[in-house]
Amino acid sequence: MKHGLVKQLRRVEDPVKATMDIKSQGTIEERVTRLEQLVEQLLPSAQTDRDDWNRTFGMFEGDAVMKEIIAAGRRIREKDRRQAR
């Protein structure tokens, strides 16, 4: 899977469970500390390189499924254009 953000988020514990853990912790200091730790884990995964799109260029070249997806999209757009006239 080439979705870097998804891969990195999977390494972070379940956000719902993490939230429940935070709510169950005793003091406000413990809760803030836990939130800070979660934010530190999430921030690097949310940062992206401005040129990330360049890495995807050509990755579906020759892919039969992608060609069908593109053709289906063209058919849909052509149909929409005809209906708009």
Protein backbone atom coordinates (compact mmCIF):
# COMPACT_ATOMS: atom_id res chain seq x y z
CA MET A 1 0.00 0.00 0.00
CA LYS A 2 1.48 3.35 -1.00
CA HIS A 3 -0.60 5.53 1.29
CA GLY A 4 2.14 6.70 3.65
CA LEU A 5 -0.19 8.58 5.96
CA VAL A 6 -2.48 5.58 6.36
CA LYS A 7 0.49 3.31 7.05
CA GLN A 8 1.87 5.69 9.65
CA LEU A 9 -1.49 6.18 11.34
CA ARG A 10 -1.87 2.43 11.65
CA ARG A 11 1.29 2.42 13.75
CA VAL A 12 -0.38 4.84 16.15
CA GLU A 13 -2.76 3.17 18.53
CA ASP A 14 -6.47 3.21 17.83
CA PRO A 15 -7.60 6.86 18.16
CA VAL A 16 -10.93 5.91 19.74
CA LYS A 17 -9.22 3.69 22.29
CA ALA A 18 -6.61 6.37 22.91
CA THR A 19 -9.34 8.93 23.55
CA MET A 20 -11.11 6.60 25.95
CA ASP A 21 -7.80 5.96 27.75
CA ILE A 22 -7.27 9.70 28.11
CA LYS A 23 -10.75 10.21 29.52
CA SER A 24 -10.20 7.46 32.07
CA GLN A 25 -6.90 8.87 33.35
CA GLY A 26 -7.06 10.62 36.69
CA THR A 27 -5.50 14.06 36.75
CA ILE A 28 -5.64 16.80 34.15
CA GLU A 29 -1.84 16.72 34.00
CA GLU A 30 -1.86 13.04 33.05
CA ARG A 31 -4.51 13.65 30.43
CA VAL A 32 -2.59 16.58 28.89
CA THR A 33 0.63 14.55 28.88
CA ARG A 34 -1.11 11.69 27.09
CA LEU A 35 -2.64 14.06 24.52
CA GLU A 36 0.76 15.61 23.88
CA GLN A 37 2.24 12.16 23.28
CA LEU A 38 -0.52 11.31 20.79
CA VAL A 39 -0.05 14.62 18.96
CA GLU A 40 3.71 13.96 18.71
CA GLN A 41 2.94 10.57 17.13
CA LEU A 42 0.46 12.03 14.65
CA LEU A 43 2.30 15.18 13.54
CA PRO A 44 5.13 13.55 11.57
CA SER A 45 2.62 11.41 9.68
CA ALA A 46 0.52 14.43 8.74
CA GLN A 47 3.42 16.34 7.19
CA THR A 48 3.70 15.81 3.47
CA ASP A 49 6.17 16.81 0.85
CA ARG A 50 4.84 19.34 -1.66
CA ASP A 51 6.07 17.12 -4.51
CA ASP A 52 4.41 13.90 -3.31
CA TRP A 53 2.22 13.92 -6.41
CA ASN A 54 5.35 13.46 -8.56
CA ARG A 55 5.87 10.00 -7.11
CA THR A 56 2.46 8.90 -8.35
CA PHE A 57 3.02 10.04 -11.93
CA GLY A 58 3.07 6.99 -14.20
CA MET A 59 2.41 4.44 -11.47
CA PHE A 60 -0.66 3.11 -13.32
CA GLU A 61 0.86 3.14 -16.78
CA GLY A 62 -0.29 0.08 -18.69
CA ASP A 63 -2.68 -0.98 -15.93
CA ALA A 64 -5.82 -2.42 -17.55
CA VAL A 65 -8.04 -1.62 -14.56
CA MET A 66 -6.89 2.00 -14.51
CA LYS A 67 -7.55 2.30 -18.25
CA GLU A 68 -11.12 1.10 -17.68
CA ILE A 69 -11.56 3.58 -14.81
CA ILE A 70 -10.39 6.43 -17.05
CA ALA A 71 -12.67 5.28 -19.89
CA ALA A 72 -15.65 5.07 -17.51
CA GLY A 73 -14.91 8.57 -16.25
CA ARG A 74 -14.83 9.89 -19.81
CA ARG A 75 -18.17 8.23 -20.58
CA ILE A 76 -19.72 9.78 -17.48
CA ARG A 77 -18.40 13.26 -18.35
CA GLU A 78 -19.62 12.96 -21.96
CA LYS A 79 -23.06 11.90 -20.77
CA ASP A 80 -23.16 14.82 -18.31
CA ARG A 81 -22.18 17.24 -21.10
CA ARG A 82 -24.96 15.94 -23.37
CA GLN A 83 -27.52 16.26 -20.58
CA ALA A 84 -26.39 19.82 -19.78
CA ARG A 85 -27.10 21.03 -23.36
